Protein backbone atom coordinates (compact mmCIF):
# COMPACT_ATOMS: atom_id res chain seq x y z
CA UNK A 1 -0.26 0.14 -0.20
CA UNK A 2 1.30 3.31 -0.95
CA UNK A 3 1.80 5.93 1.93
CA UNK A 4 2.14 9.45 1.87
CA UNK A 5 3.71 11.96 4.37
CA UNK A 6 3.53 15.53 5.00
CA UNK A 7 6.60 17.47 3.72
CA UNK A 8 8.52 19.17 6.74
CA UNK A 9 9.75 22.22 4.37
CA UNK A 10 6.29 24.26 4.76
CA UNK A 11 6.49 26.20 7.97
CA UNK A 12 7.72 23.02 9.88
CA UNK A 13 4.57 21.16 9.86
CA UNK A 14 4.35 17.95 11.99
CA UNK A 15 7.24 16.03 10.66
CA UNK A 16 5.53 12.90 12.21
CA UNK A 17 2.07 13.70 10.98
CA UNK A 18 2.01 10.58 8.71
CA UNK A 19 -0.72 9.16 6.66
CA UNK A 20 -1.49 5.97 4.94
CA UNK A 21 -4.45 5.38 2.59
CA UNK A 22 -6.66 3.81 5.49
CA UNK A 23 -8.44 1.58 2.88
CA UNK A 24 -8.03 0.63 -0.95
CA UNK A 25 -9.10 3.44 -3.26
CA UNK A 26 -12.63 2.33 -5.16
CA UNK A 27 -12.92 2.29 -8.70
CA UNK A 28 -15.23 5.15 -8.92
CA UNK A 29 -12.80 7.47 -6.78
CA UNK A 30 -10.87 10.31 -8.61
CA UNK A 31 -7.01 10.10 -8.48
CA UNK A 32 -4.26 12.48 -7.91
CA UNK A 33 -0.58 12.22 -8.73
CA UNK A 34 1.47 11.69 -5.37
CA UNK A 35 2.90 15.41 -5.74
CA UNK A 36 -0.77 16.88 -6.31
CA UNK A 37 -2.08 14.69 -3.20
CA UNK A 38 0.74 15.95 -1.11
CA UNK A 39 -0.10 19.51 -2.03
CA UNK A 40 -3.93 18.97 -1.71
CA UNK A 41 -3.35 17.35 1.90
CA UNK A 42 -1.25 20.26 3.04
CA UNK A 43 -4.08 22.52 1.93
CA UNK A 44 -6.68 20.73 3.76
CA UNK A 45 -4.69 20.50 6.95
CA UNK A 46 -3.90 24.30 6.93
CA UNK A 47 -7.34 25.67 5.93
CA UNK A 48 -10.19 22.70 6.26
CA UNK A 49 -9.17 20.27 8.99
CA UNK A 50 -10.37 22.69 11.77
CA UNK A 51 -13.86 22.42 10.71
CA UNK A 52 -13.98 19.33 9.08
CA UNK A 53 -11.69 17.00 10.87
CA UNK A 54 -8.81 15.09 9.97
CA UNK A 55 -10.83 11.95 9.44
CA UNK A 56 -13.36 14.50 7.52
CA UNK A 57 -16.55 13.38 9.54
CA UNK A 58 -17.25 17.02 10.25
CA UNK A 59 -18.13 18.99 13.40
CA UNK A 60 -18.50 22.68 12.77
CA UNK A 61 -18.15 22.19 8.99
CA UNK A 62 -19.91 19.48 7.24
CA UNK A 63 -19.07 15.70 6.62
CA UNK A 64 -16.37 15.42 3.84
CA UNK A 65 -16.06 11.83 3.38
CA UNK A 66 -16.19 10.55 -0.14
CA UNK A 67 -19.80 9.15 0.47
CA UNK A 68 -20.92 12.63 0.90
CA UNK A 69 -18.60 14.65 -1.57
CA UNK A 70 -18.74 12.24 -4.60
CA UNK A 71 -22.45 13.03 -4.74
CA UNK A 72 -21.70 16.70 -5.13
CA UNK A 73 -19.01 16.10 -7.72
CA UNK A 74 -15.86 17.95 -9.03
CA UNK A 75 -17.68 21.13 -10.43
CA UNK A 76 -20.00 21.59 -7.46
CA UNK A 77 -17.07 21.07 -4.82
CA UNK A 78 -14.78 23.69 -6.64
CA UNK A 79 -17.82 26.19 -6.67
CA UNK A 80 -18.24 25.74 -2.91
CA UNK A 81 -14.54 26.27 -2.19
CA UNK A 82 -14.31 29.36 -4.42
CA UNK A 83 -17.36 31.10 -3.13
CA UNK A 84 -18.06 29.68 0.11
CA UNK A 85 -21.53 29.22 1.86
CA UNK A 86 -24.19 30.90 3.41
CA UNK A 87 -23.84 28.85 6.59
CA UNK A 88 -20.57 30.36 7.63
CA UNK A 89 -18.05 28.91 5.37
CA UNK A 90 -15.97 31.83 3.86
CA UNK A 91 -14.78 32.03 0.14
CA UNK A 92 -11.15 30.74 -0.77
CA UNK A 93 -10.75 32.20 -4.28
CA UNK A 94 -8.56 34.90 -2.69
CA UNK A 95 -6.34 32.24 -0.76
CA UNK A 96 -6.09 29.59 -3.27
CA UNK A 97 -5.41 29.47 -7.00
CA UNK A 98 -7.92 27.67 -9.29
CA UNK A 99 -5.51 24.77 -9.64
CA UNK A 100 -5.36 24.34 -5.91
CA UNK A 101 -9.07 24.58 -5.74
CA UNK A 102 -9.46 21.82 -8.30
CA UNK A 103 -6.93 19.67 -6.47
CA UNK A 104 -8.66 19.98 -3.21
CA UNK A 105 -12.01 19.34 -4.58
CA UNK A 106 -10.39 16.18 -5.80
CA UNK A 107 -8.74 15.12 -2.67
CA UNK A 108 -11.85 15.48 -0.46
CA UNK A 109 -13.48 12.75 -2.96
CA UNK A 110 -10.60 10.34 -2.15
CA UNK A 111 -10.52 8.06 0.90
CA UNK A 112 -9.05 10.16 3.94
CA UNK A 113 -5.54 9.31 4.67
CA UNK A 114 -5.19 7.99 8.47
CA UNK A 115 -3.17 10.29 10.98
CA UNK A 116 -0.49 8.91 12.99
CA UNK A 117 -0.53 8.97 16.90
CA UNK A 118 2.12 10.84 19.09
CA UNK A 119 3.70 9.37 22.29
CA UNK A 120 4.68 11.13 25.36
CA UNK A 121 8.28 9.90 24.62
CA UNK A 122 8.20 11.63 21.42
CA UNK A 123 6.78 14.88 22.99
CA UNK A 124 9.54 14.95 25.53
CA UNK A 125 12.18 14.88 22.89
CA UNK A 126 10.70 18.09 21.47
CA UNK A 127 11.39 20.23 24.32
CA UNK A 128 13.95 22.98 23.76
CA UNK A 129 15.15 25.61 26.48
CA UNK A 130 16.48 28.80 25.19
CA UNK A 131 16.97 30.26 28.29
CA UNK A 132 17.36 28.27 31.54
CA UNK A 133 14.96 29.29 34.40
CA UNK A 134 17.78 29.93 36.83
CA UNK A 135 19.02 32.57 34.11
CA UNK A 136 15.32 34.27 33.86
CA UNK A 137 16.00 38.20 34.54
CA UNK A 138 14.71 39.41 38.11
CA UNK A 139 12.81 42.13 36.91
CA UNK A 140 11.45 43.94 33.75
CA UNK A 141 14.91 45.21 31.78
CA UNK A 142 12.90 47.63 29.43
CA UNK A 143 11.45 50.12 31.62
CA UNK A 144 8.11 49.98 30.01
CA UNK A 145 4.52 49.85 31.10
CA UNK A 146 4.62 45.76 30.14
CA UNK A 147 1.00 45.41 31.52
CA UNK A 148 -0.37 47.33 28.57
CA UNK A 149 1.60 45.19 26.18
CA UNK A 150 -0.34 43.25 23.49
CA UNK A 151 0.61 39.84 22.65
CA UNK A 152 -0.44 39.58 19.07
CA UNK A 153 -0.81 36.52 16.67
CA UNK A 154 0.80 36.84 13.23
CA UNK A 155 -1.03 33.91 11.97
CA UNK A 156 0.19 32.81 8.43
CA UNK A 157 3.76 33.94 9.29
CA UNK A 158 3.89 31.59 12.24
CA UNK A 159 4.93 34.53 14.33
CA UNK A 160 4.02 36.41 17.70
CA UNK A 161 4.43 40.31 17.98
CA UNK A 162 4.91 42.12 21.25
CA UNK A 163 3.45 45.61 20.90
CA UNK A 164 3.87 48.35 23.42
CA UNK A 165 0.25 49.67 24.02
CA UNK A 166 1.52 53.05 25.22
CA UNK A 167 3.81 53.87 22.27
CA UNK A 168 2.45 51.52 19.50
CA UNK A 169 6.00 50.32 18.97
CA UNK A 170 6.38 46.83 17.78
CA UNK A 171 8.99 45.31 20.34
CA UNK A 172 9.52 41.85 18.86
CA UNK A 173 8.28 39.46 16.10
CA UNK A 174 8.97 35.96 17.55
CA UNK A 175 8.89 32.67 15.89
CA UNK A 176 6.09 30.31 16.95
CA UNK A 177 4.12 27.43 15.83
CA UNK A 178 2.09 27.44 12.65
CA UNK A 179 -0.85 29.40 12.64
CA UNK A 180 -0.89 30.09 16.42
CA UNK A 181 -4.61 30.11 17.66
CA UNK A 182 -4.31 31.49 21.02
CA UNK A 183 -2.13 32.61 23.97
CA UNK A 184 -2.39 32.21 27.73
CA UNK A 185 -0.85 33.95 30.53
CA UNK A 186 0.81 33.24 33.97
CA UNK A 187 -1.08 34.59 36.78
CA UNK A 188 0.94 37.76 37.17
CA UNK A 189 1.03 38.26 33.12
CA UNK A 190 4.72 37.89 32.75
CA UNK A 191 5.09 34.70 30.58
CA UNK A 192 2.81 33.92 27.86
CA UNK A 193 2.24 30.46 26.35
CA UNK A 194 1.11 29.92 22.74
CA UNK A 195 -0.19 26.86 20.68
CA UNK A 196 0.13 26.38 17.06
CA UNK A 197 -1.82 24.43 14.73
CA UNK A 198 1.12 22.08 14.34
CA UNK A 199 0.88 21.59 18.08
CA UNK A 200 3.94 23.70 19.11
CA UNK A 201 3.61 25.20 22.44
CA UNK A 202 6.15 28.42 23.14
CA UNK A 203 6.83 30.28 26.44
CA UNK A 204 7.48 34.12 26.09
CA UNK A 205 8.96 36.09 28.72
CA UNK A 206 7.74 39.82 28.34
CA UNK A 207 10.32 40.99 31.19
CA UNK A 208 13.34 40.67 28.58
CA UNK A 209 14.41 43.43 26.39
CA UNK A 210 13.07 42.70 23.92
CA UNK A 211 10.66 39.96 24.81
CA UNK A 212 11.86 36.66 23.75
CA UNK A 213 10.72 32.99 23.54
CA UNK A 214 12.46 30.86 26.49
CA UNK A 215 11.45 27.47 25.83
CA UNK A 216 9.11 25.30 23.49
CA UNK A 217 7.65 21.64 22.95
CA UNK A 218 5.45 19.92 20.76
CA UNK A 219 2.36 18.18 22.20
CA UNK A 220 0.31 17.28 19.16
CA UNK A 221 0.10 17.64 15.30
CA UNK A 222 -2.77 19.95 15.28
CA UNK A 223 -4.07 22.03 18.34
CA UNK A 224 -6.02 25.01 19.32
CA UNK A 225 -5.85 25.69 23.04
CA UNK A 226 -3.50 26.13 26.01
CA UNK A 227 -4.01 27.39 29.68
CA UNK A 228 -1.86 27.73 33.03
CA UNK A 229 -2.75 26.58 36.35
CA UNK A 230 -3.75 29.62 38.59
CA UNK A 231 -4.89 28.53 41.92
CA UNK A 232 -3.22 28.25 45.22
CA UNK A 233 -0.11 26.43 45.67
CA UNK A 234 -0.44 25.19 41.93
CA UNK A 235 -0.09 28.74 40.64
CA UNK A 236 1.87 28.75 37.37
CA UNK A 237 3.17 25.30 37.85
CA UNK A 238 1.47 23.49 35.21
CA UNK A 239 0.36 24.24 31.68
CA UNK A 240 -2.26 22.30 29.60
CA UNK A 241 -2.50 22.12 25.86
CA UNK A 242 -5.45 20.45 24.02
CA UNK A 243 -5.06 18.46 20.66
CA UNK A 244 -7.29 18.23 17.54
CA UNK A 245 -4.92 15.48 16.36
CA UNK A 246 -4.34 13.32 18.19
CA UNK A 247 -7.45 13.94 20.26
CA UNK A 248 -6.04 14.50 23.76
CA UNK A 249 -5.08 17.03 26.26
CA UNK A 250 -1.28 17.14 27.61
CA UNK A 251 -0.11 18.62 31.00
CA UNK A 252 3.50 20.05 31.17
CA UNK A 253 5.70 21.63 33.61
CA UNK A 254 5.23 25.16 33.21
CA UNK A 255 8.65 26.38 33.70
CA UNK A 256 10.53 23.70 31.47
CA UNK A 257 7.75 22.96 29.16
CA UNK A 258 8.47 19.36 29.56
CA UNK A 259 5.18 17.01 28.87
CA UNK A 260 4.34 15.05 31.85
CA UNK A 261 0.82 13.37 31.45
CA UNK A 262 -1.23 12.72 28.35
CA UNK A 263 -5.05 11.86 28.47
CA UNK A 264 -6.94 10.78 25.31
CA UNK A 265 -10.27 12.48 24.73
CA UNK A 266 -11.64 9.78 22.62
CA UNK A 267 -15.09 8.58 24.01
CA UNK A 268 -18.74 8.06 23.86
CA UNK A 269 -20.56 11.45 22.95
CA UNK A 270 -24.02 12.52 24.49
CA UNK A 271 -25.70 10.63 21.87
CA UNK A 272 -24.33 7.30 22.69
CA UNK A 273 -21.94 6.70 19.95
CA UNK A 274 -18.15 6.40 20.27
CA UNK A 275 -16.13 9.22 18.69
CA UNK A 276 -12.43 8.51 17.63
CA UNK A 277 -11.83 11.98 16.58
CA UNK A 278 -13.09 13.91 19.73
CA UNK A 279 -10.96 17.22 19.66
CA UNK A 280 -10.22 19.73 22.49
CA UNK A 281 -11.55 22.77 21.10
CA UNK A 282 -11.14 25.10 24.20
CA UNK A 283 -9.39 25.29 27.58
CA UNK A 284 -9.77 27.53 30.37
CA UNK A 285 -8.59 28.04 33.73
CA UNK A 286 -11.00 28.20 36.70
CA UNK A 287 -10.33 31.05 39.07
CA UNK A 288 -12.04 29.25 42.08
CA UNK A 289 -10.72 25.82 41.94
CA UNK A 290 -7.61 23.96 40.93
CA UNK A 291 -9.20 22.90 37.54
CA UNK A 292 -9.05 23.61 33.84
CA UNK A 293 -12.54 23.45 31.82
CA UNK A 294 -11.45 21.25 28.82
CA UNK A 295 -14.03 21.27 26.14
CA UNK A 296 -14.33 18.07 23.95
CA UNK A 297 -15.78 19.19 21.01
CA UNK A 298 -17.35 16.27 19.24
CA UNK A 299 -18.47 14.55 22.47
CA UNK A 300 -20.68 17.59 23.60
CA UNK A 301 -18.84 17.20 27.02
CA UNK A 302 -16.95 19.71 29.16
CA UNK A 303 -14.33 17.91 31.40
CA UNK A 304 -13.41 19.81 34.57
CA UNK A 305 -9.85 18.47 35.20
CA UNK A 306 -8.35 18.95 38.57
CA UNK A 307 -4.61 19.23 38.48
CA UNK A 308 -4.10 18.88 42.52
CA UNK A 309 -2.90 15.37 41.98
CA UNK A 310 -1.59 14.26 38.61
CA UNK A 311 -1.10 10.98 39.59
CA UNK A 312 -4.81 10.55 40.59
CA UNK A 313 -6.29 12.82 37.87
CA UNK A 314 -9.93 13.60 38.88
CA UNK A 315 -12.10 14.63 35.83
CA UNK A 316 -15.98 15.39 35.97
CA UNK A 317 -17.44 14.67 32.45
CA UNK A 318 -20.24 17.12 32.11
CA UNK A 319 -22.80 16.51 29.21
CA UNK A 320 -24.29 19.24 27.41
CA UNK A 321 -24.42 19.62 23.52
CA UNK A 322 -22.42 19.16 20.26
CA UNK A 323 -20.13 20.72 19.03
CA UNK A 324 -18.45 22.77 21.77
CA UNK A 325 -16.06 25.69 20.70
CA UNK A 326 -15.23 29.09 22.35
CA UNK A 327 -15.97 30.15 25.77
CA UNK A 328 -15.80 32.72 28.43
CA UNK A 329 -16.59 33.42 32.10
CA UNK A 330 -19.28 35.51 33.82
CA UNK A 331 -18.06 38.57 35.72
CA UNK A 332 -18.14 36.47 39.33
CA UNK A 333 -15.76 34.08 37.50
CA UNK A 334 -17.75 31.19 38.77
CA UNK A 335 -19.83 30.24 35.80
CA UNK A 336 -18.37 28.97 32.55
CA UNK A 337 -20.23 30.04 29.36
CA UNK A 338 -19.48 28.23 26.26
CA UNK A 339 -21.04 27.81 22.64
CA UNK A 340 -22.35 24.58 21.28
CA UNK A 341 -22.12 25.97 17.81
CA UNK A 342 -23.69 22.99 15.73
CA UNK A 343 -26.69 22.87 18.22
CA UNK A 344 -27.25 26.76 18.15
CA UNK A 345 -26.90 26.81 21.73
CA UNK A 346 -24.83 28.62 24.76
CA UNK A 347 -24.03 26.03 27.61
CA UNK A 348 -23.47 27.07 31.19
CA UNK A 349 -21.42 25.40 33.98
CA UNK A 350 -21.10 26.25 37.66
CA UNK A 351 -17.26 25.63 38.32
CA UNK A 352 -17.59 25.54 42.01
CA UNK A 353 -20.36 22.53 42.19
CA UNK A 354 -18.74 21.14 38.76
CA UNK A 355 -21.99 20.83 37.11
CA UNK A 356 -23.92 21.66 33.94
CA UNK A 357 -26.49 24.38 35.07
CA UNK A 358 -28.40 25.51 31.76
CA UNK A 359 -28.65 25.83 28.25
CA UNK A 360 -29.97 28.47 25.89
CA UNK A 361 -30.99 28.41 22.41
CA UNK A 362 -29.38 31.27 20.20
CA UNK A 363 -29.19 32.22 16.66
CA UNK A 364 -27.52 30.11 14.17
CA UNK A 365 -24.02 28.85 15.21
CA UNK A 366 -23.02 31.14 18.07
CA UNK A 367 -19.19 32.01 18.36
CA UNK A 368 -18.55 34.50 21.27
CA UNK A 369 -14.48 34.18 20.99
CA UNK A 370 -13.32 35.89 24.17
CA UNK A 371 -16.96 36.91 24.99
CA UNK A 372 -18.57 39.98 26.22
CA UNK A 373 -20.05 40.66 29.70
CA UNK A 374 -21.98 44.13 30.87
CA UNK A 375 -24.79 45.19 32.95
CA UNK A 376 -28.14 45.88 31.45
CA UNK A 377 -30.59 48.41 32.81
CA UNK A 378 -33.34 45.76 32.64
CA UNK A 379 -31.74 42.39 32.73
CA UNK A 380 -28.83 43.07 35.10
CA UNK A 381 -25.50 41.53 34.46
CA UNK A 382 -25.49 39.91 31.03
CA UNK A 383 -23.11 38.02 28.41
CA UNK A 384 -23.18 38.10 24.65
CA UNK A 385 -22.24 36.19 21.58
CA UNK A 386 -22.19 36.83 17.80
CA UNK A 387 -22.84 33.90 15.27
CA UNK A 388 -20.97 32.26 12.54
CA UNK A 389 -24.25 31.54 10.86
CA UNK A 390 -25.98 34.75 10.74
CA UNK A 391 -25.67 38.43 11.50
CA UNK A 392 -26.90 38.29 15.16
CA UNK A 393 -25.84 39.27 18.81
CA UNK A 394 -27.81 37.22 21.43
CA UNK A 395 -27.62 38.64 25.02
CA UNK A 396 -28.56 36.72 28.04
CA UNK A 397 -28.67 36.86 31.61
CA UNK A 398 -25.65 35.39 33.69
CA UNK A 399 -26.34 36.34 37.36
CA UNK A 400 -28.23 33.37 39.04
CA UNK A 401 -27.74 34.81 42.48
CA UNK A 402 -28.83 38.33 42.00
CA UNK A 403 -31.11 38.21 39.10
CA UNK A 404 -32.53 34.62 39.13
CA UNK A 405 -35.47 35.01 36.74
CA UNK A 406 -33.17 36.29 34.06
CA UNK A 407 -30.43 33.78 34.47
CA UNK A 408 -29.51 31.72 31.17
CA UNK A 409 -32.55 33.26 29.61
CA UNK A 410 -32.48 35.45 26.33
CA UNK A 411 -32.45 39.32 27.55
CA UNK A 412 -32.51 40.47 23.65
CA UNK A 413 -31.23 40.09 20.28
CA UNK A 414 -30.07 42.62 17.92
CA UNK A 415 -29.34 42.22 14.18
CA UNK A 416 -26.15 43.12 12.46
CA UNK A 417 -25.17 43.26 8.81
CA UNK A 418 -23.29 40.12 8.87
CA UNK A 419 -21.86 37.09 10.53
CA UNK A 420 -18.89 37.48 12.64
CA UNK A 421 -16.24 35.88 14.96
CA UNK A 422 -15.44 38.04 18.18
CA UNK A 423 -17.40 40.20 20.52
CA UNK A 424 -15.90 42.57 23.06
CA UNK A 425 -16.65 45.32 25.33
CA UNK A 426 -15.01 46.97 28.39
CA UNK A 427 -16.35 48.21 31.93
CA UNK A 428 -15.24 51.81 30.65
CA UNK A 429 -17.03 51.80 27.32
CA UNK A 430 -20.53 52.42 26.72
CA UNK A 431 -20.37 50.12 23.57
CA UNK A 432 -20.11 46.72 22.55
CA UNK A 433 -18.09 45.89 19.27
CA UNK A 434 -18.97 43.28 16.77
CA UNK A 435 -16.74 41.99 13.84
CA UNK A 436 -18.46 40.38 10.89
CA UNK A 437 -15.54 38.65 8.67
CA UNK A 438 -18.00 35.81 7.96
CA UNK A 439 -19.89 37.65 5.68
CA UNK A 440 -19.32 37.02 1.99
CA UNK A 441 -19.30 40.91 0.98
CA UNK A 442 -16.07 42.85 1.24
CA UNK A 443 -17.66 45.98 2.56
CA UNK A 444 -19.23 43.95 5.52
CA UNK A 445 -16.26 41.83 6.25
CA UNK A 446 -14.11 45.16 6.50
CA UNK A 447 -16.49 46.72 8.83
CA UNK A 448 -17.19 46.46 12.71
CA UNK A 449 -20.61 47.55 14.38
CA UNK A 450 -21.11 49.10 17.47
CA UNK A 451 -23.67 48.24 19.96
CA UNK A 452 -25.02 50.95 22.18
CA UNK A 453 -25.38 49.22 25.82
CA UNK A 454 -28.34 51.49 26.85
CA UNK A 455 -30.45 51.67 23.67
CA UNK A 456 -29.68 47.95 22.60
CA UNK A 457 -29.23 49.30 19.23
CA UNK A 458 -26.42 49.39 16.41
CA UNK A 459 -25.58 53.23 16.41
CA UNK A 460 -22.64 53.03 14.21
CA UNK A 461 -20.81 50.95 11.42
CA UNK A 462 -17.16 51.64 11.03
CA UNK A 463 -15.45 50.53 7.77
CA UNK A 464 -11.92 49.63 9.35
CA UNK A 465 -10.39 49.11 5.86
CA UNK A 466 -11.32 49.29 2.06
CA UNK A 467 -8.14 47.37 0.87
CA UNK A 468 -8.67 44.64 -1.42
CA UNK A 469 -8.29 41.09 -0.05
CA UNK A 470 -8.55 42.33 3.47
CA UNK A 471 -11.07 41.76 6.35
CA UNK A 472 -11.39 43.25 9.94
CA UNK A 473 -11.56 41.15 12.92
CA UNK A 474 -10.74 40.58 16.73
CA UNK A 475 -11.24 43.77 18.89
CA UNK A 476 -9.13 44.19 21.88
CA UNK A 477 -8.93 46.83 24.45
CA UNK A 478 -6.02 48.53 25.96
CA UNK A 479 -5.54 48.51 30.14
CA UNK A 480 -7.69 51.44 30.64
CA UNK A 481 -10.35 50.67 28.16
CA UNK A 482 -9.94 53.94 26.22
CA UNK A 483 -8.68 52.44 23.15
CA UNK A 484 -9.99 49.67 21.01
CA UNK A 485 -7.48 47.78 18.71
CA UNK A 486 -8.92 45.96 15.57
CA UNK A 487 -6.79 43.62 13.16
CA UNK A 488 -6.81 44.10 9.41
CA UNK A 489 -6.02 40.58 8.20
CA UNK A 490 -4.72 40.52 4.42
CA UNK A 491 -6.01 37.51 3.04
CA UNK A 492 -4.11 35.69 0.18
CA UNK A 493 -0.42 34.68 -0.25
CA UNK A 494 2.76 35.67 1.22
CA UNK A 495 2.98 38.96 -0.97
CA UNK A 496 -0.05 40.11 0.89
CA UNK A 497 0.94 39.36 4.34
CA UNK A 498 2.79 42.77 5.35
CA UNK A 499 -0.42 44.54 4.24
CA UNK A 500 -1.83 43.65 7.73
CA UNK A 501 -2.23 46.16 10.25
CA UNK A 502 -3.82 47.14 13.52
CA UNK A 503 -6.25 49.98 13.82
CA UNK A 504 -6.61 51.81 17.11
CA UNK A 505 -9.98 53.63 17.93
CA UNK A 506 -11.03 55.83 20.86
CA UNK A 507 -13.72 54.03 22.67
CA UNK A 508 -15.76 56.97 23.42
CA UNK A 509 -15.60 59.36 20.32
CA UNK A 510 -15.02 56.10 17.97
CA UNK A 511 -12.65 58.21 16.11
CA UNK A 512 -9.54 56.50 14.55
CA UNK A 513 -6.30 57.13 16.52
CA UNK A 514 -3.36 55.26 14.91
CA UNK A 515 -2.50 52.39 12.53
CA UNK A 516 0.36 49.87 13.32
CA UNK A 517 1.44 48.78 9.95
CA UNK A 518 3.61 45.87 8.73
CA UNK A 519 1.88 42.92 10.47
CA UNK A 520 1.64 39.59 8.83
CA UNK A 521 -1.82 38.43 9.19
CA UNK A 522 -2.61 39.92 12.72
CA UNK A 523 -5.53 38.22 14.10
CA UNK A 524 -5.90 37.64 18.26
CA UNK A 525 -4.73 40.39 20.17
CA UNK A 526 -4.14 39.90 24.07
CA UNK A 527 -3.94 42.91 26.36
CA UNK A 528 -1.64 41.87 29.35
CA UNK A 529 -3.55 43.90 32.17
CA UNK A 530 -7.15 42.79 30.68
CA UNK A 531 -6.44 39.08 30.43
CA UNK A 532 -4.93 38.74 33.85
CA UNK A 533 -7.77 40.50 35.41
CA UNK A 534 -10.42 38.86 33.44
CA UNK A 535 -11.88 41.83 31.91
CA UNK A 536 -14.43 41.08 29.09
């Protein structure tokens, strides 16, 4: 049987991510040359596997096994990849060439190749120490207001940028994993841990001049989230990362980045079916207990993992709905709120009792990203989400102690022009900011909409960019909430990357203040102070 392997020359992607052709190719299946197969497989991993799965069984995206794709046929598949769908899949005609779209359409009609596993021994061998812990600096070496730094993902460049929020200077561009998805902080905000789509986790020290990566290791071939232990005697002792493939989570030493324990997330979902590709979509530290919330996407379960005894790991497996994705906490930091976007629901968990406590039907495919909390004049404390599948903001009550009649119930909904990914606000701002990059029209993709907390209405639309092949996404506030930073992501190939920028707005006047240019596909931005203090 012929086997294929990912090449290691493209952004260092998973040298061990080996594939065999799972089963014999039927006579009806289309074929590709070995070189074209390799190219299409890499394109699928980079842009498609996140939603459709390595085994192509589907989750947020549809099932792409041959029994489904062959019915659609080559021309129909090429059209879908080119133009996207109303259900939330964006167009790829400005990312892939026509030839690449053709190869990818053929590839997904072929039998999915089988991904390889990864052992703890392999992970331990990947550890690299660039600065020994005993050599860490004892105080900030640059004299800057580092609590107002922004840690910024430069997605397609495989880098992280550290930007001074006061001066708007780019202090460092650091090599990280391919397509970093998120970064999380130690309890004091000094160290930041990244996780890339290639499963590489990096540790960054913001006190160095300039900030630098001090250690790394690899814990998966494909991954999405990471978190640090923040509770009691375990503060900043462990870091946990979740894999899309292999489907597992890995607990590492937060100082050295050495992997210590691997736990598979394969299992039986809420419908009673065994799921081999049960991926870890999100991981969050719980402020009131020595635990992490681990969202196992395809199972429809949140696992509350107690890290107080790694040898006798305690895990509460809480059923909710499929498919779990992004989440955030309420202002008390007691209740965890997470989207089950394929079920069009937000799910709610009490992290002190370790129980599932509520479910709310929302608009189509909720996606809160880091989320938003504020106080509504009628409903009291509320949380909110945007939606991948439609232009809608859903707002619900999230204060069961003070406002029990409103808890986990819809407060109101407000229509927006287009589907989006990230919603943000700040206690010092009268507004809520919603991006719209999932809408197919460039004018909408490139704009953010402003919701007034008092009137509950969209009061302004800001066109962040009108540059061709660009979208606006992911708002983040500076330390005092006086500024909102919005990414402009230049879609396309390497020639377009440096057209990316961050646009800074005054959060009261909504006027533009600055543009930080020369950033390669900036996506998530994380302000040190706001993340340490859970400002949503």
